[in-house]
Amino acid sequence: MYQYDDFDDTFVRERVEIFRSQVARRLDGSLTEDEFKPLRLQNGLYLQLHAYMLRVAIPYGTLSSRQMRQLAMIAERWDKGYGHFTTRQNIQFNWPKLRDVPDILGALADVGMHAIQTSGNCVRNVTADHFAGAAADEIEDPRPTAELVRQWSTDHPEFAFLPRKFKIAVSGSPNDRAVTKSHDIGLRMVLNDAGEPGYEVSVGGGLGRTPILAQVIRRFLPKADLLPYLEAILQVYNLRGRRDNKHKARLKIVLHEHGLEQVRLWVEEAFQAQRTLFTPPDDLIRKIAASFTEPQWKDAPVPPVLSPGVAQFLRTNVARHKRLDHAIVTVSLKARGETPGDATAEQMRVLANLAERYSHDELRISHEQNVILPHVHRADLAAVHAALERVGLATPNAGLISDIISCPGMDYCALATARSIPVAKGIAEAFADMARQRDIGGLKIKISGCINACGHHHVGHIGILGLEKAGVESYQVTLGGDGTETAAIGERAGPGFSADEIVPAVERLVEAYLALRASRDETFIRTYRRLGAQPFKDALYPEVKSDAA
């Protein structure tokens, strides 16, 4: 993985000291909160319902064991003993004291981490496929691309004050595990007719109050042209993006108002100018690529028999590795009764130890709020499972109905209009029986506590959006969303449900699916696409069906 050099270290530490002086002026009253706000946002610090929240960048979701241990230390020393992993592959600390934040940032700098550009109207943390560098279906590891984009975009003077936040995702596989179509720019590694790797470039995706899937602006972009092309897209957006209304300030609105063909013409014109002026040096490309070489693979026999518990864990939480004798292990942060995405300091340390011992010192954070051990030899799976089981991290539910994505909702977030966490816990409790979960099969439920859609509800097979109506929480249901290479925005099913009604409504949906599926192999999303929305709406609103009859 990429290691900070002297330039990186100096840059981050200078930022920490600048912010330390800004915090001191806020604490002594020299700065008002309004004056302090743009300064703290440049350093990932939000003011939430009950306290400040610090959002720490985990670029393209990659961590070392040393970094994970440092996050555990920060959680214990300056927070309440846990951290929350997010759908942007970041980690959030929900309870830091303002006076301690510069020291936290200093501790992050000690292990090559920071909170720069995790907020504000800039290019946010670049995300990538959480199986990067390990997946059997991978054309090319997307992390060198993501690191190049991170270096190019960090503190970019032209793009520090964009009309709105800007998000980029990179996938190296035909199977899109990075939800690229929901991003302002989505990069998918593809091969041209000559077998050369390049990028399919999509633009204008985004969720929130106006959910739109990104459109392909370039079917094939040579790798050497990547940064000039990204520069061109950002220039067009910076000039054409609306600044009169923050709800219409995203790139997707530029495409909606002007059309893809016009935007393509603007981008190509800017690209031709940039191409002659701006090309990343070859030595930088080589340096980044050298940071992502393959580890020294373990060579050992694979045990033929595993215990039933380990075997079940393998069926749900283990994916194919590019090496047949290795495996990709998904560690679910969705144990029964727990908040999705939360990990205690103890759990973080166990994960760090496992990565160091069994996964070549690498961990990944997924946009699905889980942790990945990307390179585990199959001979070590039983030992990994046993260690996870001791700290409540061996739940065999990856990709199943209780593996729920959820934003923090109104328990923490100042923007939220409803609670998300209790709904996620209620659904997980209703489907606690693992045999039932396995019978239901792959089903992605995503929950957001407001229209900003941080829980990605628009691309959930079942999406849930919490809203406030006349002082009461109301939950809308969307159906048929998909965040993969067959991306789709879910369709709103109908009127919302109260907090007491939403879990039974999900149960009715699932029971309808089980009755409607053509076979046990037909997943919820396939059944929905085969039959359409109406049978599921009938299950959600049985009283409407009864009245019609």
Protein backbone atom coordinates (compact mmCIF):
# COMPACT_ATOMS: atom_id res chain seq x y z
CA MET A 1 0.00 0.00 0.00
CA TYR A 2 1.04 3.61 -0.49
CA GLN A 3 3.39 5.04 2.16
CA TYR A 4 3.70 8.76 2.84
CA ASP A 5 6.98 10.32 1.72
CA ASP A 6 8.60 13.40 3.28
CA PHE A 7 6.45 15.75 1.21
CA ASP A 8 3.21 14.06 2.29
CA ASP A 9 4.25 14.04 5.93
CA THR A 10 5.29 17.69 5.94
CA PHE A 11 2.12 18.75 4.14
CA VAL A 12 -0.19 16.98 6.59
CA ARG A 13 1.69 18.11 9.72
CA GLU A 14 1.70 21.74 8.57
CA ARG A 15 -2.07 21.50 8.09
CA VAL A 16 -2.41 20.13 11.62
CA GLU A 17 -0.50 23.04 13.13
CA ILE A 18 -2.49 25.60 11.15
CA PHE A 19 -5.70 24.04 12.43
CA ARG A 20 -4.31 23.91 15.98
CA SER A 21 -4.01 27.71 15.93
CA GLN A 22 -7.51 28.05 14.48
CA VAL A 23 -8.96 25.85 17.23
CA ALA A 24 -7.15 27.92 19.88
CA ARG A 25 -8.72 31.09 18.48
CA ARG A 26 -12.17 29.47 18.48
CA LEU A 27 -11.72 28.37 22.10
CA ASP A 28 -10.61 31.82 23.30
CA GLY A 29 -13.45 33.50 21.42
CA SER A 30 -11.35 35.21 18.76
CA LEU A 31 -13.33 33.31 16.13
CA THR A 32 -17.11 32.96 16.15
CA GLU A 33 -18.67 29.61 15.19
CA ASP A 34 -19.68 31.09 11.81
CA GLU A 35 -16.08 32.18 11.20
CA PHE A 36 -14.73 28.85 12.39
CA LYS A 37 -17.10 26.68 10.33
CA PRO A 38 -15.31 26.85 6.94
CA LEU A 39 -11.98 26.23 8.69
CA ARG A 40 -13.15 23.14 10.56
CA LEU A 41 -14.88 21.73 7.50
CA GLN A 42 -11.58 21.85 5.62
CA ASN A 43 -10.30 19.50 8.32
CA GLY A 44 -13.22 17.06 8.42
CA LEU A 45 -14.81 18.45 11.59
CA TYR A 46 -18.60 18.69 11.74
CA LEU A 47 -20.88 20.04 14.45
CA GLN A 48 -23.56 17.40 14.97
CA LEU A 49 -26.59 17.18 17.24
CA HIS A 50 -24.76 16.52 20.48
CA ALA A 51 -21.06 17.08 19.80
CA TYR A 52 -18.42 17.62 17.18
CA MET A 53 -17.82 14.74 14.78
CA LEU A 54 -14.46 14.10 13.10
CA ARG A 55 -14.50 12.28 9.77
CA VAL A 56 -11.17 10.65 8.96
CA ALA A 57 -10.22 9.76 5.39
CA ILE A 58 -9.42 6.17 4.48
CA PRO A 59 -8.43 6.66 0.83
CA TYR A 60 -9.94 3.95 -1.38
CA GLY A 61 -10.71 2.04 1.82
CA THR A 62 -7.18 0.71 2.42
CA LEU A 63 -5.66 0.45 5.91
CA SER A 64 -2.60 -1.16 7.45
CA SER A 65 -2.64 -2.88 10.84
CA ARG A 66 -0.63 0.03 12.30
CA GLN A 67 -3.25 2.50 11.10
CA MET A 68 -6.12 0.42 12.46
CA ARG A 69 -4.41 0.23 15.86
CA GLN A 70 -4.04 3.99 15.85
CA LEU A 71 -7.76 4.39 15.15
CA ALA A 72 -8.43 2.10 18.13
CA MET A 73 -6.17 4.23 20.32
CA ILE A 74 -7.92 7.42 19.22
CA ALA A 75 -11.32 5.86 19.95
CA GLU A 76 -10.26 5.00 23.52
CA ARG A 77 -8.27 8.11 24.35
CA TRP A 78 -10.37 10.87 22.82
CA ASP A 79 -13.78 9.36 22.06
CA LYS A 80 -16.12 6.79 23.63
CA GLY A 81 -14.24 3.65 22.67
CA TYR A 82 -15.61 3.02 19.20
CA GLY A 83 -15.61 4.35 15.65
CA HIS A 84 -18.20 4.34 12.89
CA PHE A 85 -17.22 3.18 9.38
CA THR A 86 -19.18 4.93 6.66
CA THR A 87 -20.45 4.38 3.12
CA ARG A 88 -17.62 6.65 1.87
CA GLN A 89 -15.00 4.23 3.28
CA ASN A 90 -14.20 6.75 6.02
CA ILE A 91 -14.32 6.42 9.79
CA GLN A 92 -16.16 8.89 12.01
CA PHE A 93 -15.54 9.69 15.67
CA ASN A 94 -18.76 11.04 17.11
CA TRP A 95 -17.67 12.49 20.46
CA PRO A 96 -14.30 14.31 20.28
CA LYS A 97 -13.76 17.45 22.34
CA LEU A 98 -12.81 20.44 20.22
CA ARG A 99 -9.67 21.08 22.24
CA ASP A 100 -8.47 17.53 21.48
CA VAL A 101 -9.01 17.55 17.71
CA PRO A 102 -5.53 18.92 16.80
CA ASP A 103 -3.95 16.16 18.90
CA ILE A 104 -6.14 13.58 17.16
CA LEU A 105 -5.03 14.92 13.78
CA GLY A 106 -1.43 14.77 14.95
CA ALA A 107 -1.88 11.14 15.97
CA LEU A 108 -3.35 10.40 12.55
CA ALA A 109 -0.37 12.07 10.86
CA ASP A 110 1.93 9.74 12.81
CA VAL A 111 0.53 6.81 10.79
CA GLY A 112 0.03 8.54 7.43
CA MET A 113 -3.61 9.51 7.86
CA HIS A 114 -5.61 12.74 7.89
CA ALA A 115 -9.10 14.25 7.66
CA ILE A 116 -8.45 16.56 4.72
CA GLN A 117 -11.27 16.85 2.15
CA THR A 118 -13.68 14.61 4.02
CA SER A 119 -16.04 17.59 3.99
CA GLY A 120 -16.54 20.83 2.11
CA ASN A 121 -17.18 21.69 -1.53
CA CYS A 122 -14.14 19.89 -2.91
CA VAL A 123 -13.15 16.50 -4.30
CA ARG A 124 -13.98 14.17 -1.41
CA ASN A 125 -12.25 10.95 -0.35
CA VAL A 126 -11.71 8.82 -3.47
CA THR A 127 -13.39 5.42 -3.07
CA ALA A 128 -12.72 2.09 -4.76
CA ASP A 129 -13.71 -1.56 -4.92
CA HIS A 130 -13.13 -3.03 -1.46
CA PHE A 131 -11.82 -6.24 -3.05
CA ALA A 132 -9.18 -4.27 -4.96
CA GLY A 133 -5.96 -6.15 -5.63
CA ALA A 134 -7.49 -9.47 -4.60
CA ALA A 135 -10.63 -10.10 -6.67
CA ALA A 136 -10.65 -12.99 -9.12
CA ASP A 137 -12.59 -10.95 -11.69
CA GLU A 138 -10.29 -7.94 -11.60
CA ILE A 139 -8.88 -6.51 -14.84
CA GLU A 140 -6.45 -4.35 -12.93
CA ASP A 141 -6.00 -3.20 -9.34
CA PRO A 142 -7.84 0.16 -9.15
CA ARG A 143 -5.87 1.43 -6.14
CA PRO A 144 -2.95 2.93 -8.11
CA THR A 145 -5.52 4.89 -10.10
CA ALA A 146 -7.30 5.96 -6.93
CA GLU A 147 -4.00 7.03 -5.33
CA LEU A 148 -3.07 9.07 -8.40
CA VAL A 149 -6.45 10.79 -8.28
CA ARG A 150 -6.05 11.39 -4.54
CA GLN A 151 -2.70 13.08 -5.01
CA TRP A 152 -3.93 15.16 -7.94
CA SER A 153 -7.08 16.33 -6.16
CA THR A 154 -5.67 17.02 -2.68
CA ASP A 155 -5.50 20.76 -2.07
CA HIS A 156 -6.01 21.41 -5.79
CA PRO A 157 -6.19 25.24 -5.88
CA GLU A 158 -8.75 25.43 -8.67
CA PHE A 159 -11.13 22.90 -7.14
CA ALA A 160 -11.06 23.85 -3.44
CA PHE A 161 -14.34 25.79 -3.64
CA LEU A 162 -16.52 23.95 -6.12
CA PRO A 163 -20.25 24.64 -6.41
CA ARG A 164 -20.81 21.56 -4.23
CA LYS A 165 -19.05 18.42 -2.95
CA PHE A 166 -17.63 16.15 -5.66
CA LYS A 167 -17.24 12.37 -5.49
CA ILE A 168 -15.11 9.97 -7.54
CA ALA A 169 -15.13 6.15 -7.42
CA VAL A 170 -12.89 3.61 -9.17
CA SER A 171 -13.60 -0.04 -10.00
CA GLY A 172 -11.13 -2.46 -11.57
CA SER A 173 -13.62 -5.22 -12.37
CA PRO A 174 -16.56 -5.84 -14.72
CA ASN A 175 -18.59 -6.48 -11.55
CA ASP A 176 -19.04 -3.03 -10.03
CA ARG A 177 -18.54 -3.21 -6.27
CA ALA A 178 -17.79 0.53 -5.95
CA VAL A 179 -21.26 1.90 -6.88
CA THR A 180 -19.59 4.00 -9.59
CA LYS A 181 -22.91 5.05 -11.17
CA SER A 182 -23.88 7.02 -8.05
CA HIS A 183 -20.81 9.27 -8.26
CA ASP A 184 -20.03 12.55 -9.98
CA ILE A 185 -17.31 10.63 -11.82
CA GLY A 186 -17.24 6.85 -12.01
CA LEU A 187 -14.18 5.11 -13.45
CA ARG A 188 -14.43 1.46 -14.48
CA MET A 189 -11.40 -0.39 -15.80
CA VAL A 190 -12.06 -1.85 -19.27
CA LEU A 191 -10.01 -3.31 -22.12
CA ASN A 192 -10.02 -1.97 -25.67
CA ASP A 193 -9.97 -4.13 -28.80
CA ALA A 194 -6.20 -4.41 -28.53
CA GLY A 195 -6.45 -5.72 -24.96
CA GLU A 196 -5.05 -2.52 -23.45
CA PRO A 197 -6.46 -1.35 -20.10
CA GLY A 198 -8.20 1.99 -19.87
CA TYR A 199 -11.27 3.55 -18.32
CA GLU A 200 -14.96 3.76 -19.05
CA VAL A 201 -15.80 7.21 -17.69
CA SER A 202 -19.27 8.02 -16.37
CA VAL A 203 -20.38 11.43 -15.13
CA GLY A 204 -23.30 13.05 -13.37
CA GLY A 205 -24.34 10.40 -10.88
CA GLY A 206 -25.62 11.20 -7.43
CA LEU A 207 -28.31 10.30 -4.93
CA GLY A 208 -29.81 12.79 -2.46
CA ARG A 209 -33.02 14.64 -3.23
CA THR A 210 -32.51 14.16 -6.99
CA PRO A 211 -31.26 10.60 -7.55
CA ILE A 212 -29.66 10.18 -10.98
CA LEU A 213 -27.41 7.48 -12.39
CA ALA A 214 -24.19 8.57 -14.07
CA GLN A 215 -24.02 8.48 -17.87
CA VAL A 216 -21.09 7.22 -19.91
CA ILE A 217 -19.19 10.16 -21.39
CA ARG A 218 -16.20 8.14 -22.68
CA ARG A 219 -16.37 4.44 -23.53
CA PHE A 220 -12.59 4.12 -23.45
CA LEU A 221 -10.07 6.58 -22.07
CA PRO A 222 -6.37 5.61 -22.28
CA LYS A 223 -4.70 5.49 -18.88
CA ALA A 224 -2.22 8.20 -19.83
CA ASP A 225 -5.08 10.65 -20.43
CA LEU A 226 -6.77 10.17 -17.08
CA LEU A 227 -5.70 13.28 -15.17
CA PRO A 228 -6.10 15.73 -18.06
CA TYR A 229 -9.58 14.32 -18.67
CA LEU A 230 -10.55 14.58 -15.01
CA GLU A 231 -9.16 18.11 -14.95
CA ALA A 232 -11.37 18.94 -17.94
CA ILE A 233 -14.52 17.54 -16.29
CA LEU A 234 -13.85 19.48 -13.09
CA GLN A 235 -13.19 22.69 -15.04
CA VAL A 236 -16.49 22.37 -16.88
CA TYR A 237 -18.34 21.70 -13.64
CA ASN A 238 -16.61 24.53 -11.80
CA LEU A 239 -17.62 27.00 -14.52
CA ARG A 240 -21.08 25.63 -15.37
CA GLY A 241 -22.25 24.30 -12.01
CA ARG A 242 -24.95 26.36 -10.34
CA ARG A 243 -24.08 28.40 -7.28
CA ASP A 244 -27.47 30.04 -6.74
CA ASN A 245 -29.08 26.95 -5.18
CA LYS A 246 -27.11 24.32 -3.27
CA HIS A 247 -29.76 21.71 -4.05
CA LYS A 248 -29.06 22.19 -7.77
CA ALA A 249 -25.31 22.64 -7.56
CA ARG A 250 -24.15 19.12 -8.46
CA LEU A 251 -22.70 17.95 -11.78
CA LYS A 252 -25.82 15.85 -12.37
CA ILE A 253 -27.86 19.06 -12.67
CA VAL A 254 -25.42 20.42 -15.28
CA LEU A 255 -26.09 17.28 -17.34
CA HIS A 256 -29.82 17.50 -16.72
CA GLU A 257 -29.98 21.14 -17.84
CA HIS A 258 -27.59 20.98 -20.81
CA GLY A 259 -27.61 17.33 -21.88
CA LEU A 260 -24.83 14.79 -22.15
CA GLU A 261 -23.78 15.72 -25.69
CA GLN A 262 -23.26 19.39 -24.83
CA VAL A 263 -21.32 18.50 -21.69
CA ARG A 264 -19.22 16.06 -23.71
CA LEU A 265 -18.35 18.84 -26.19
CA TRP A 266 -17.31 21.17 -23.36
CA VAL A 267 -15.23 18.45 -21.72
CA GLU A 268 -13.51 17.43 -24.95
CA GLU A 269 -12.60 21.06 -25.70
CA ALA A 270 -11.13 21.52 -22.22
CA PHE A 271 -9.42 18.12 -22.44
CA GLN A 272 -7.59 18.96 -25.67
CA ALA A 273 -6.20 22.08 -24.03
CA GLN A 274 -5.24 20.25 -20.85
CA ARG A 275 -3.67 17.34 -22.70
CA THR A 276 -0.82 19.47 -24.01
CA LEU A 277 -0.23 21.25 -20.71
CA PHE A 278 -0.67 18.62 -18.05
CA THR A 279 0.69 15.10 -18.01
CA PRO A 280 1.75 13.39 -14.77
CA PRO A 281 5.47 12.55 -14.77
CA ASP A 282 6.43 8.95 -15.47
CA ASP A 283 8.44 8.68 -12.25
CA LEU A 284 5.35 9.52 -10.20
CA ILE A 285 3.32 6.86 -12.00
CA ARG A 286 6.07 4.30 -11.40
CA LYS A 287 6.38 5.28 -7.73
CA ILE A 288 2.65 4.85 -7.13
CA ALA A 289 2.52 1.55 -9.03
CA ALA A 290 5.44 0.23 -6.98
CA SER A 291 3.42 0.82 -3.80
CA PHE A 292 0.86 -1.78 -4.86
CA THR A 293 2.96 -4.80 -5.75
CA GLU A 294 1.66 -8.22 -4.77
CA PRO A 295 2.65 -9.58 -1.35
CA GLN A 296 4.85 -12.63 -0.86
CA TRP A 297 2.11 -15.26 -1.02
CA LYS A 298 1.94 -17.98 1.58
CA ASP A 299 2.39 -21.52 0.27
CA ALA A 300 0.64 -24.17 2.37
CA PRO A 301 -1.76 -27.10 1.91
CA VAL A 302 -5.48 -26.33 2.09
CA PRO A 303 -7.37 -28.34 4.74
CA PRO A 304 -10.07 -30.52 3.19
CA VAL A 305 -12.52 -30.40 6.14
CA LEU A 306 -13.75 -27.45 8.20
CA SER A 307 -16.16 -27.29 11.14
CA PRO A 308 -19.85 -26.49 10.39
CA GLY A 309 -19.48 -22.97 11.83
CA VAL A 310 -16.49 -22.19 9.67
CA ALA A 311 -18.15 -23.77 6.63
CA GLN A 312 -21.19 -21.54 7.05
CA PHE A 313 -18.98 -18.48 7.44
CA LEU A 314 -17.25 -19.43 4.19
CA ARG A 315 -20.55 -19.67 2.32
CA THR A 316 -21.53 -16.09 3.17
CA ASN A 317 -18.46 -14.08 4.15
CA VAL A 318 -15.72 -15.46 1.91
CA ALA A 319 -15.24 -14.47 -1.74
CA ARG A 320 -13.03 -15.85 -4.50
CA HIS A 321 -9.48 -14.59 -4.50
CA LYS A 322 -7.38 -14.33 -7.66
CA ARG A 323 -5.29 -17.15 -6.14
CA LEU A 324 -7.19 -20.37 -5.60
CA ASP A 325 -5.41 -21.10 -2.31
CA HIS A 326 -6.37 -17.70 -0.84
CA ALA A 327 -9.68 -16.08 0.05
CA ILE A 328 -11.20 -12.64 0.63
CA VAL A 329 -12.86 -12.46 4.04
CA THR A 330 -15.65 -9.98 4.77
CA VAL A 331 -15.92 -9.17 8.47
CA SER A 332 -19.50 -8.12 9.12
CA LEU A 333 -20.05 -5.12 11.39
CA LYS A 334 -23.75 -6.04 11.53
CA ALA A 335 -24.00 -8.37 14.50
CA ARG A 336 -27.48 -8.72 15.99
CA GLY A 337 -28.34 -5.73 18.18
CA GLU A 338 -25.33 -3.65 17.08
CA THR A 339 -25.24 -0.39 15.15
CA PRO A 340 -24.28 -1.02 11.50
CA GLY A 341 -20.73 0.13 10.83
CA ASP A 342 -19.64 0.52 14.47
CA ALA A 343 -16.48 -1.20 15.73
CA THR A 344 -15.09 -1.03 19.25
CA ALA A 345 -11.43 -0.30 19.96
CA GLU A 346 -10.99 -3.93 21.02
CA GLN A 347 -12.48 -5.16 17.76
CA MET A 348 -10.25 -2.82 15.76
CA ARG A 349 -7.18 -4.20 17.50
CA VAL A 350 -8.24 -7.78 16.79
CA LEU A 351 -8.74 -6.88 13.13
CA ALA A 352 -5.30 -5.24 13.06
CA ASN A 353 -3.73 -8.36 14.57
CA LEU A 354 -5.48 -10.62 12.08
CA ALA A 355 -4.39 -8.45 9.17
CA GLU A 356 -0.81 -8.49 10.38
CA ARG A 357 -0.73 -12.23 10.93
CA TYR A 358 -2.97 -13.59 8.17
CA SER A 359 -3.65 -10.92 5.51
CA HIS A 360 -0.26 -9.46 4.59
CA ASP A 361 -0.88 -6.42 6.79
CA GLU A 362 -3.82 -5.19 4.70
CA LEU A 363 -7.39 -4.29 5.59
CA ARG A 364 -10.12 -2.68 3.51
CA ILE A 365 -13.23 -0.76 4.51
CA SER A 366 -16.22 -1.38 2.25
CA HIS A 367 -18.91 1.11 1.30
CA GLU A 368 -21.24 -1.45 2.85
CA GLN A 369 -19.76 -0.59 6.28
CA ASN A 370 -17.84 -3.83 6.73
CA VAL A 371 -14.14 -4.63 7.06
CA ILE A 372 -12.28 -6.82 4.58
CA LEU A 373 -9.26 -9.07 5.10
CA PRO A 374 -8.25 -9.28 1.43
CA HIS A 375 -5.50 -11.94 1.39
CA VAL A 376 -6.19 -14.86 3.75
CA HIS A 377 -4.73 -18.26 2.95
CA ARG A 378 -7.40 -20.93 3.10
CA ALA A 379 -5.31 -22.84 5.63
CA ASP A 380 -5.82 -19.92 8.03
CA LEU A 381 -9.58 -19.47 7.68
CA ALA A 382 -10.43 -21.53 10.77
CA ALA A 383 -8.02 -19.51 12.93
CA VAL A 384 -9.37 -16.23 11.57
CA HIS A 385 -12.95 -17.34 12.21
CA ALA A 386 -12.14 -18.35 15.80
CA ALA A 387 -10.49 -15.00 16.54
CA LEU A 388 -13.43 -13.09 15.06
CA GLU A 389 -15.91 -15.18 17.02
CA ARG A 390 -14.26 -14.24 20.33
CA VAL A 391 -15.02 -10.53 19.76
CA GLY A 392 -18.45 -10.79 18.14
CA LEU A 393 -17.27 -10.31 14.56
CA ALA A 394 -18.02 -13.72 13.04
CA THR A 395 -21.65 -13.07 12.04
CA PRO A 396 -22.13 -15.08 8.81
CA ASN A 397 -24.48 -12.58 7.14
CA ALA A 398 -22.49 -10.74 4.45
CA GLY A 399 -24.88 -9.88 1.64
CA LEU A 400 -27.91 -11.22 3.53
CA ILE A 401 -30.92 -9.31 4.81
CA SER A 402 -29.34 -8.30 8.14
CA ASP A 403 -26.22 -6.91 6.44
CA ILE A 404 -27.91 -3.52 6.37
CA ILE A 405 -26.37 -0.21 5.32
CA SER A 406 -27.54 2.60 7.58
CA CYS A 407 -26.55 6.21 8.11
CA PRO A 408 -26.31 7.44 11.74
CA GLY A 409 -29.66 9.20 11.38
CA MET A 410 -31.13 11.45 14.03
CA ASP A 411 -29.22 9.72 16.82
CA TYR A 412 -26.19 11.77 15.74
CA CYS A 413 -26.66 13.79 12.55
CA ALA A 414 -27.84 17.41 12.61
CA LEU A 415 -29.29 17.04 9.10
CA ALA A 416 -31.32 13.90 9.76
CA THR A 417 -35.11 14.05 9.98
CA ALA A 418 -35.66 10.52 11.32
CA ARG A 419 -33.81 7.77 13.13
CA SER A 420 -32.13 5.06 11.07
CA ILE A 421 -30.30 2.89 13.58
CA PRO A 422 -33.40 1.60 15.44
CA VAL A 423 -34.99 0.61 12.11
CA ALA A 424 -31.86 -1.30 11.10
CA LYS A 425 -31.75 -3.04 14.46
CA GLY A 426 -35.46 -3.84 14.28
CA ILE A 427 -35.15 -5.47 10.86
CA ALA A 428 -32.08 -7.43 11.96
CA GLU A 429 -33.97 -8.65 15.02
CA ALA A 430 -37.01 -9.66 12.97
CA PHE A 431 -34.77 -11.78 10.72
CA ALA A 432 -32.36 -12.96 13.42
CA ASP A 433 -32.73 -16.64 12.53
CA MET A 434 -29.74 -17.43 10.31
CA ALA A 435 -31.46 -20.37 8.58
CA ARG A 436 -34.23 -18.00 7.53
CA GLN A 437 -31.69 -15.45 6.29
CA ARG A 438 -29.94 -18.07 4.19
CA ASP A 439 -33.29 -19.16 2.72
CA ILE A 440 -34.06 -15.54 1.77
CA GLY A 441 -30.66 -15.22 0.10
CA GLY A 442 -28.96 -12.09 -1.19
CA LEU A 443 -31.01 -9.01 -0.32
CA LYS A 444 -29.64 -5.52 0.20
CA ILE A 445 -31.52 -3.17 2.50
CA LYS A 446 -30.24 0.40 2.77
CA ILE A 447 -31.58 3.04 5.17
CA SER A 448 -31.21 6.83 5.15
CA GLY A 449 -32.39 9.20 7.86
CA CYS A 450 -32.93 12.14 5.51
CA ILE A 451 -33.15 13.11 1.86
CA ASN A 452 -29.35 13.46 1.59
CA ALA A 453 -29.26 9.65 1.20
CA CYS A 454 -26.00 8.88 3.00
CA GLY A 455 -27.40 5.37 3.52
CA HIS A 456 -27.71 4.88 -0.28
CA HIS A 457 -31.38 3.92 0.04
CA HIS A 458 -32.04 4.74 -3.63
CA VAL A 459 -29.85 1.79 -4.72
CA GLY A 460 -31.08 -0.72 -2.17
CA HIS A 461 -33.13 -3.68 -3.32
CA ILE A 462 -35.33 -2.41 -0.51
CA GLY A 463 -34.60 1.21 0.33
CA ILE A 464 -35.94 3.01 3.39
CA LEU A 465 -35.99 6.81 3.72
CA GLY A 466 -36.83 8.35 7.06
CA LEU A 467 -38.61 11.71 6.99
CA GLU A 468 -40.36 13.96 9.48
CA LYS A 469 -44.02 14.71 8.83
CA ALA A 470 -45.87 16.98 11.26
CA GLY A 471 -43.41 16.09 14.00
CA VAL A 472 -43.70 12.33 13.45
CA GLU A 473 -41.17 10.00 11.83
CA SER A 474 -42.37 8.52 8.55
CA TYR A 475 -40.53 5.93 6.46
CA GLN A 476 -40.85 5.71 2.69
CA VAL A 477 -40.01 2.45 0.92
CA THR A 478 -38.32 2.20 -2.46
CA LEU A 479 -38.05 -1.04 -4.43
CA GLY A 480 -35.74 -2.36 -7.13
CA GLY A 481 -32.67 -0.24 -6.57
CA ASP A 482 -29.26 -1.62 -7.50
CA GLY A 483 -25.74 -0.27 -6.99
CA THR A 484 -23.86 -2.76 -9.19
CA GLU A 485 -23.01 -2.87 -12.90
CA THR A 486 -26.79 -3.26 -13.52
CA ALA A 487 -27.45 -0.07 -11.57
CA ALA A 488 -30.99 1.17 -11.01
CA ILE A 489 -32.72 3.79 -8.90
CA GLY A 490 -35.43 2.29 -6.72
CA GLU A 491 -39.06 3.16 -7.31
CA ARG A 492 -41.05 4.70 -4.47
CA ALA A 493 -43.70 2.17 -3.49
CA GLY A 494 -46.31 4.50 -2.00
CA PRO A 495 -47.21 6.24 1.26
CA GLY A 496 -44.78 6.10 4.17
CA PHE A 497 -45.01 3.99 7.31
CA SER A 498 -44.72 4.98 10.94
CA ALA A 499 -41.79 3.85 13.07
CA ASP A 500 -43.97 1.04 14.46
CA GLU A 501 -45.10 -0.07 11.01
CA ILE A 502 -41.87 -0.13 8.99
CA VAL A 503 -40.42 -3.44 10.23
CA PRO A 504 -43.71 -5.36 9.69
CA ALA A 505 -43.87 -3.78 6.23
CA VAL A 506 -40.43 -5.19 5.39
CA GLU A 507 -41.53 -8.59 6.70
CA ARG A 508 -44.53 -8.53 4.36
CA LEU A 509 -42.26 -7.69 1.44
CA VAL A 510 -39.98 -10.61 2.20
CA GLU A 511 -42.84 -13.05 2.65
CA ALA A 512 -44.27 -11.94 -0.70
CA TYR A 513 -40.89 -12.46 -2.35
CA LEU A 514 -40.57 -15.98 -0.93
CA ALA A 515 -44.00 -16.84 -2.30
CA LEU A 516 -43.31 -15.28 -5.69
CA ARG A 517 -39.78 -16.42 -6.51
CA ALA A 518 -39.46 -18.97 -9.29
CA SER A 519 -36.87 -20.99 -7.39
CA ARG A 520 -34.65 -20.74 -4.32
CA ASP A 521 -31.90 -19.48 -6.61
CA GLU A 522 -33.93 -16.47 -7.79
CA THR A 523 -32.90 -13.47 -5.71
CA PHE A 524 -35.19 -10.68 -4.57
CA ILE A 525 -33.96 -8.26 -7.24
CA ARG A 526 -34.40 -10.83 -10.02
CA THR A 527 -37.91 -11.63 -8.86
CA TYR A 528 -38.73 -7.93 -8.72
CA ARG A 529 -37.43 -7.37 -12.25
CA ARG A 530 -39.33 -10.37 -13.56
CA LEU A 531 -42.68 -9.45 -12.02
CA GLY A 532 -42.50 -5.70 -11.61
CA ALA A 533 -43.51 -3.61 -8.60
CA GLN A 534 -47.22 -4.39 -8.29
CA PRO A 535 -47.08 -7.72 -6.38
CA PHE A 536 -44.76 -6.12 -3.86
CA LYS A 537 -46.93 -3.04 -3.52
CA ASP A 538 -49.88 -5.34 -2.88
CA ALA A 539 -47.92 -6.91 -0.03
CA LEU A 540 -46.91 -3.54 1.40
CA TYR A 541 -50.42 -2.10 1.28
CA PRO A 542 -52.84 -5.03 1.72
CA GLU A 543 -55.67 -2.70 2.74
CA VAL A 544 -55.46 -0.93 -0.65
CA LYS A 545 -55.62 -4.26 -2.47
CA SER A 546 -58.58 -5.29 -0.32
CA ASP A 547 -60.46 -2.06 -1.08
CA ALA A 548 -59.82 -2.46 -4.80
CA ALA A 549 -61.19 -6.00 -4.69
